[in-house]
């Protein structure tokens, strides 16, 4: 995939994912680790971050900082992925094998972003 195409696909993915935090916030609140405060605020904040970082990928002056922001965001999201492996309720009905596969997928997404630095 050429650089602009890959960046636009990535941007669209993060923008859509971010919008979904506002469309279906309860879905995201169900998977928030109990030890984090203000679940609803964090869901909206993470959705806003995904939207802004996705838009930033499309603006040449913001591309690099957006890529680093995406990598940092994905690293923080690992907390949720590991939390979901902690028990049946935390898994929110998602099969364990899918939850396990999400961990390397997260690193794959980080690498995908890193390729455009």
N, C-alpha and C. Protein backbone atom coordinates (compact mmCIF):
# COMPACT_ATOMS: atom_id res chain seq x y z
N UNK A 1 0.85 -1.17 0.00
CA UNK A 1 0.00 0.00 0.00
C UNK A 1 0.90 1.24 0.00
N UNK A 2 0.61 2.18 -0.88
CA UNK A 2 1.44 3.39 -0.93
C UNK A 2 1.25 4.21 0.34
N UNK A 3 2.21 5.08 0.61
CA UNK A 3 2.15 5.84 1.86
C UNK A 3 0.86 6.62 2.03
N UNK A 4 0.45 7.46 1.07
CA UNK A 4 -0.79 8.21 1.30
C UNK A 4 -2.00 7.29 1.49
N UNK A 5 -2.08 6.22 0.70
CA UNK A 5 -3.22 5.31 0.83
C UNK A 5 -3.22 4.65 2.20
N UNK A 6 -2.07 4.15 2.63
CA UNK A 6 -1.97 3.51 3.94
C UNK A 6 -2.31 4.46 5.07
N UNK A 7 -1.84 5.69 4.97
CA UNK A 7 -2.15 6.68 6.00
C UNK A 7 -3.63 7.00 6.03
N UNK A 8 -4.26 7.11 4.86
CA UNK A 8 -5.68 7.43 4.82
C UNK A 8 -6.53 6.27 5.34
N UNK A 9 -6.10 5.05 5.07
CA UNK A 9 -6.81 3.89 5.61
C UNK A 9 -6.68 3.88 7.14
N UNK A 10 -5.46 4.13 7.62
CA UNK A 10 -5.24 4.17 9.06
C UNK A 10 -6.05 5.32 9.68
N UNK A 11 -6.01 6.48 9.05
CA UNK A 11 -6.76 7.63 9.56
C UNK A 11 -8.25 7.30 9.64
N UNK A 12 -8.80 6.73 8.58
CA UNK A 12 -10.23 6.39 8.57
C UNK A 12 -10.55 5.39 9.68
N UNK A 13 -9.67 4.42 9.88
CA UNK A 13 -9.89 3.41 10.91
C UNK A 13 -9.98 4.06 12.30
N UNK A 14 -9.05 4.97 12.60
CA UNK A 14 -9.06 5.61 13.92
C UNK A 14 -10.22 6.59 14.07
N UNK A 15 -10.56 7.29 13.01
CA UNK A 15 -11.69 8.23 13.09
C UNK A 15 -12.98 7.46 13.33
N UNK A 16 -13.20 6.38 12.58
CA UNK A 16 -14.42 5.58 12.77
C UNK A 16 -14.44 4.97 14.18
N UNK A 17 -13.30 4.42 14.61
CA UNK A 17 -13.23 3.85 15.96
C UNK A 17 -13.53 4.92 17.01
N UNK A 18 -13.01 6.11 16.82
CA UNK A 18 -13.26 7.19 17.76
C UNK A 18 -14.71 7.61 17.80
N UNK A 19 -15.33 7.71 16.64
CA UNK A 19 -16.75 8.07 16.57
C UNK A 19 -17.59 7.03 17.31
N UNK A 20 -17.21 5.77 17.18
CA UNK A 20 -17.96 4.70 17.85
C UNK A 20 -17.97 4.86 19.36
N UNK A 21 -16.96 5.51 19.93
CA UNK A 21 -16.96 5.77 21.37
C UNK A 21 -18.12 6.68 21.77
N UNK A 22 -18.56 7.52 20.86
CA UNK A 22 -19.67 8.42 21.13
C UNK A 22 -21.01 7.79 20.75
N UNK A 23 -21.00 6.93 19.75
CA UNK A 23 -22.23 6.27 19.29
C UNK A 23 -22.63 5.15 20.25
N UNK A 24 -21.66 4.37 20.71
CA UNK A 24 -21.92 3.21 21.58
C UNK A 24 -21.03 3.26 22.83
N UNK A 25 -21.14 4.30 23.64
CA UNK A 25 -20.24 4.42 24.79
C UNK A 25 -20.38 3.27 25.80
N UNK A 26 -21.57 2.73 25.95
CA UNK A 26 -21.77 1.64 26.93
C UNK A 26 -20.93 0.42 26.56
N UNK A 27 -20.76 0.17 25.27
CA UNK A 27 -19.95 -0.96 24.83
C UNK A 27 -18.51 -0.81 25.34
N UNK A 28 -18.00 0.40 25.29
CA UNK A 28 -16.63 0.65 25.74
C UNK A 28 -16.53 0.71 27.26
N UNK A 29 -17.57 1.22 27.92
CA UNK A 29 -17.54 1.30 29.38
C UNK A 29 -17.54 -0.10 30.00
N UNK A 30 -18.14 -1.08 29.32
CA UNK A 30 -18.18 -2.46 29.83
C UNK A 30 -16.79 -3.07 29.93
N UNK A 31 -15.86 -2.59 29.11
CA UNK A 31 -14.53 -3.21 29.10
C UNK A 31 -13.48 -2.37 29.82
N UNK A 32 -13.91 -1.30 30.46
CA UNK A 32 -12.96 -0.45 31.18
C UNK A 32 -12.51 -1.15 32.47
N UNK A 33 -11.22 -1.16 32.73
CA UNK A 33 -10.75 -1.75 33.99
C UNK A 33 -11.37 -1.04 35.19
N UNK A 34 -11.74 -1.81 36.18
CA UNK A 34 -12.39 -1.25 37.38
C UNK A 34 -11.51 -0.25 38.11
N UNK A 35 -10.20 -0.44 38.02
CA UNK A 35 -9.30 0.43 38.77
C UNK A 35 -9.17 1.83 38.16
N UNK A 36 -9.72 2.04 36.95
CA UNK A 36 -9.66 3.37 36.34
C UNK A 36 -10.89 4.17 36.76
N UNK A 37 -10.71 5.45 37.05
CA UNK A 37 -11.85 6.28 37.45
C UNK A 37 -12.61 6.83 36.23
N UNK A 38 -13.78 7.34 36.47
CA UNK A 38 -14.55 8.11 35.47
C UNK A 38 -14.63 7.41 34.11
N UNK A 39 -15.20 6.22 34.10
CA UNK A 39 -15.23 5.42 32.87
C UNK A 39 -15.83 6.16 31.68
N UNK A 40 -16.95 6.82 31.89
CA UNK A 40 -17.60 7.51 30.76
C UNK A 40 -16.69 8.61 30.20
N UNK A 41 -16.09 9.39 31.08
CA UNK A 41 -15.19 10.46 30.64
C UNK A 41 -14.00 9.88 29.89
N UNK A 42 -13.45 8.78 30.36
CA UNK A 42 -12.31 8.15 29.69
C UNK A 42 -12.70 7.58 28.33
N UNK A 43 -13.90 7.04 28.23
CA UNK A 43 -14.38 6.53 26.94
C UNK A 43 -14.47 7.69 25.94
N UNK A 44 -15.07 8.79 26.35
CA UNK A 44 -15.19 9.94 25.45
C UNK A 44 -13.83 10.54 25.13
N UNK A 45 -12.96 10.62 26.13
CA UNK A 45 -11.62 11.18 25.91
C UNK A 45 -10.82 10.31 24.94
N UNK A 46 -10.89 8.99 25.11
CA UNK A 46 -10.16 8.12 24.19
C UNK A 46 -10.75 8.18 22.78
N UNK A 47 -12.07 8.31 22.69
CA UNK A 47 -12.69 8.47 21.37
C UNK A 47 -12.25 9.75 20.71
N UNK A 48 -12.23 10.84 21.46
CA UNK A 48 -11.77 12.13 20.93
C UNK A 48 -10.31 12.04 20.49
N UNK A 49 -9.49 11.36 21.29
CA UNK A 49 -8.07 11.19 20.93
C UNK A 49 -7.95 10.43 19.61
N UNK A 50 -8.72 9.36 19.45
CA UNK A 50 -8.65 8.60 18.20
C UNK A 50 -9.06 9.44 17.01
N UNK A 51 -10.11 10.23 17.17
CA UNK A 51 -10.57 11.10 16.08
C UNK A 51 -9.50 12.13 15.72
N UNK A 52 -8.98 12.82 16.73
CA UNK A 52 -7.99 13.87 16.47
C UNK A 52 -6.70 13.30 15.89
N UNK A 53 -6.26 12.16 16.41
CA UNK A 53 -5.03 11.55 15.87
C UNK A 53 -5.25 11.05 14.45
N UNK A 54 -6.44 10.53 14.17
CA UNK A 54 -6.76 10.11 12.81
C UNK A 54 -6.74 11.28 11.85
N UNK A 55 -7.34 12.38 12.25
CA UNK A 55 -7.31 13.59 11.42
C UNK A 55 -5.88 14.08 11.24
N UNK A 56 -5.11 14.03 12.34
CA UNK A 56 -3.72 14.48 12.30
C UNK A 56 -2.87 13.72 11.29
N UNK A 57 -3.20 12.45 11.06
CA UNK A 57 -2.46 11.67 10.06
C UNK A 57 -2.60 12.26 8.66
N UNK A 58 -3.67 12.97 8.42
CA UNK A 58 -3.96 13.53 7.08
C UNK A 58 -3.37 14.92 6.89
N UNK A 59 -2.79 15.47 7.93
CA UNK A 59 -2.21 16.82 7.86
C UNK A 59 -0.69 16.67 7.95
N UNK A 60 0.01 16.94 6.84
CA UNK A 60 1.47 16.70 6.82
C UNK A 60 2.23 17.25 8.03
N UNK A 61 1.88 18.45 8.49
CA UNK A 61 2.59 19.05 9.62
C UNK A 61 2.32 18.31 10.94
N UNK A 62 1.25 17.55 11.01
CA UNK A 62 0.87 16.84 12.23
C UNK A 62 1.08 15.33 12.15
N UNK A 63 1.47 14.85 10.98
CA UNK A 63 1.56 13.40 10.74
C UNK A 63 2.47 12.70 11.75
N UNK A 64 3.68 13.18 11.93
CA UNK A 64 4.64 12.49 12.80
C UNK A 64 4.18 12.50 14.25
N UNK A 65 3.74 13.63 14.75
CA UNK A 65 3.27 13.70 16.15
C UNK A 65 2.03 12.83 16.33
N UNK A 66 1.19 12.75 15.31
CA UNK A 66 0.00 11.90 15.38
C UNK A 66 0.39 10.43 15.43
N UNK A 67 1.41 10.05 14.69
CA UNK A 67 1.88 8.67 14.71
C UNK A 67 2.40 8.31 16.10
N UNK A 68 3.21 9.17 16.68
CA UNK A 68 3.70 8.92 18.04
C UNK A 68 2.54 8.87 19.04
N UNK A 69 1.55 9.74 18.84
CA UNK A 69 0.36 9.74 19.69
C UNK A 69 -0.42 8.44 19.57
N UNK A 70 -0.55 7.92 18.35
CA UNK A 70 -1.25 6.65 18.14
C UNK A 70 -0.50 5.51 18.82
N UNK A 71 0.82 5.49 18.67
CA UNK A 71 1.60 4.43 19.32
C UNK A 71 1.43 4.49 20.84
N UNK A 72 1.50 5.68 21.40
CA UNK A 72 1.32 5.84 22.85
C UNK A 72 -0.10 5.42 23.27
N UNK A 73 -1.09 5.83 22.49
CA UNK A 73 -2.47 5.48 22.80
C UNK A 73 -2.66 3.96 22.77
N UNK A 74 -2.11 3.31 21.76
CA UNK A 74 -2.24 1.86 21.65
C UNK A 74 -1.53 1.17 22.82
N UNK A 75 -0.42 1.73 23.28
CA UNK A 75 0.27 1.16 24.44
C UNK A 75 -0.61 1.26 25.69
N UNK A 76 -1.28 2.40 25.86
CA UNK A 76 -2.18 2.56 27.00
C UNK A 76 -3.38 1.61 26.87
N UNK A 77 -3.88 1.43 25.66
CA UNK A 77 -5.03 0.53 25.44
C UNK A 77 -4.69 -0.91 25.78
N UNK A 78 -3.40 -1.26 25.82
CA UNK A 78 -3.02 -2.60 26.24
C UNK A 78 -3.53 -2.91 27.64
N UNK A 79 -3.65 -1.89 28.49
CA UNK A 79 -4.21 -2.08 29.84
C UNK A 79 -5.60 -2.71 29.75
N UNK A 80 -6.41 -2.23 28.83
CA UNK A 80 -7.76 -2.76 28.65
C UNK A 80 -7.70 -4.19 28.14
N UNK A 81 -6.82 -4.45 27.19
CA UNK A 81 -6.73 -5.79 26.61
C UNK A 81 -6.30 -6.81 27.66
N UNK A 82 -5.34 -6.46 28.49
CA UNK A 82 -4.91 -7.39 29.54
C UNK A 82 -6.00 -7.53 30.61
N UNK A 83 -6.67 -6.43 30.94
CA UNK A 83 -7.76 -6.49 31.91
C UNK A 83 -8.85 -7.45 31.43
N UNK A 84 -9.16 -7.41 30.15
CA UNK A 84 -10.23 -8.27 29.62
C UNK A 84 -9.87 -9.75 29.74
N UNK A 85 -8.61 -10.06 29.88
CA UNK A 85 -8.18 -11.45 30.08
C UNK A 85 -8.27 -11.87 31.54
N UNK A 86 -8.61 -10.94 32.44
CA UNK A 86 -8.56 -11.23 33.87
C UNK A 86 -9.75 -12.03 34.39
N UNK A 87 -10.82 -12.12 33.64
CA UNK A 87 -11.97 -12.88 34.13
C UNK A 87 -13.13 -12.85 33.15
N UNK A 88 -14.13 -13.66 33.46
CA UNK A 88 -15.28 -13.81 32.56
C UNK A 88 -16.05 -12.50 32.39
N UNK A 89 -16.29 -11.80 33.50
CA UNK A 89 -17.04 -10.53 33.41
C UNK A 89 -16.24 -9.49 32.62
N UNK A 90 -14.94 -9.43 32.87
CA UNK A 90 -14.08 -8.47 32.18
C UNK A 90 -14.01 -8.76 30.68
N UNK A 91 -14.17 -10.03 30.32
CA UNK A 91 -14.09 -10.42 28.90
C UNK A 91 -15.29 -9.93 28.10
N UNK A 92 -16.35 -9.53 28.78
CA UNK A 92 -17.56 -8.97 28.13
C UNK A 92 -18.12 -9.91 27.05
N UNK A 93 -18.02 -11.22 27.30
CA UNK A 93 -18.60 -12.18 26.36
C UNK A 93 -17.74 -12.49 25.14
N UNK A 94 -16.56 -11.92 25.07
CA UNK A 94 -15.67 -12.17 23.93
C UNK A 94 -14.85 -13.43 24.23
N UNK A 95 -14.78 -14.36 23.29
CA UNK A 95 -14.01 -15.59 23.53
C UNK A 95 -12.55 -15.28 23.87
N UNK A 96 -12.00 -16.10 24.78
CA UNK A 96 -10.63 -15.87 25.26
C UNK A 96 -9.61 -15.88 24.12
N UNK A 97 -9.79 -16.75 23.13
CA UNK A 97 -8.81 -16.84 22.04
C UNK A 97 -8.77 -15.52 21.25
N UNK A 98 -9.91 -14.85 21.12
CA UNK A 98 -9.92 -13.55 20.44
C UNK A 98 -9.19 -12.51 21.29
N UNK A 99 -9.45 -12.55 22.60
CA UNK A 99 -8.78 -11.60 23.50
C UNK A 99 -7.27 -11.79 23.46
N UNK A 100 -6.82 -13.02 23.37
CA UNK A 100 -5.38 -13.29 23.30
C UNK A 100 -4.81 -12.78 21.98
N UNK A 101 -5.53 -12.98 20.89
CA UNK A 101 -5.06 -12.51 19.58
C UNK A 101 -4.99 -10.98 19.49
N UNK A 102 -5.79 -10.31 20.31
CA UNK A 102 -5.78 -8.84 20.28
C UNK A 102 -4.45 -8.27 20.76
N UNK A 103 -3.73 -8.99 21.60
CA UNK A 103 -2.46 -8.48 22.12
C UNK A 103 -1.44 -8.31 20.99
N UNK A 104 -1.14 -9.36 20.21
CA UNK A 104 -0.19 -9.14 19.11
C UNK A 104 -0.75 -8.20 18.04
N UNK A 105 -2.07 -8.18 17.86
CA UNK A 105 -2.68 -7.25 16.92
C UNK A 105 -2.35 -5.81 17.32
N UNK A 106 -2.40 -5.53 18.61
CA UNK A 106 -2.10 -4.19 19.10
C UNK A 106 -0.67 -3.79 18.72
N UNK A 107 0.26 -4.74 18.88
CA UNK A 107 1.65 -4.46 18.50
C UNK A 107 1.78 -4.32 16.99
N UNK A 108 0.99 -5.07 16.25
CA UNK A 108 0.97 -4.92 14.79
C UNK A 108 0.49 -3.55 14.37
N UNK A 109 -0.53 -3.04 15.07
CA UNK A 109 -1.02 -1.68 14.78
C UNK A 109 0.04 -0.63 15.11
N UNK A 110 0.78 -0.86 16.19
CA UNK A 110 1.87 0.06 16.54
C UNK A 110 2.94 0.05 15.44
N UNK A 111 3.28 -1.13 14.98
CA UNK A 111 4.29 -1.24 13.92
C UNK A 111 3.80 -0.57 12.64
N UNK A 112 2.53 -0.78 12.30
CA UNK A 112 1.94 -0.16 11.11
C UNK A 112 2.10 1.36 11.18
N UNK A 113 1.80 1.93 12.34
CA UNK A 113 1.96 3.38 12.51
C UNK A 113 3.44 3.76 12.38
N UNK A 114 4.31 3.00 13.04
CA UNK A 114 5.75 3.30 13.04
C UNK A 114 6.33 3.32 11.63
N UNK A 115 5.77 2.51 10.73
CA UNK A 115 6.28 2.45 9.36
C UNK A 115 6.17 3.79 8.64
N UNK A 116 5.34 4.69 9.10
CA UNK A 116 5.12 5.98 8.42
C UNK A 116 5.88 7.14 9.07
N UNK A 117 6.72 6.85 10.07
CA UNK A 117 7.50 7.93 10.70
C UNK A 117 8.56 8.38 9.73
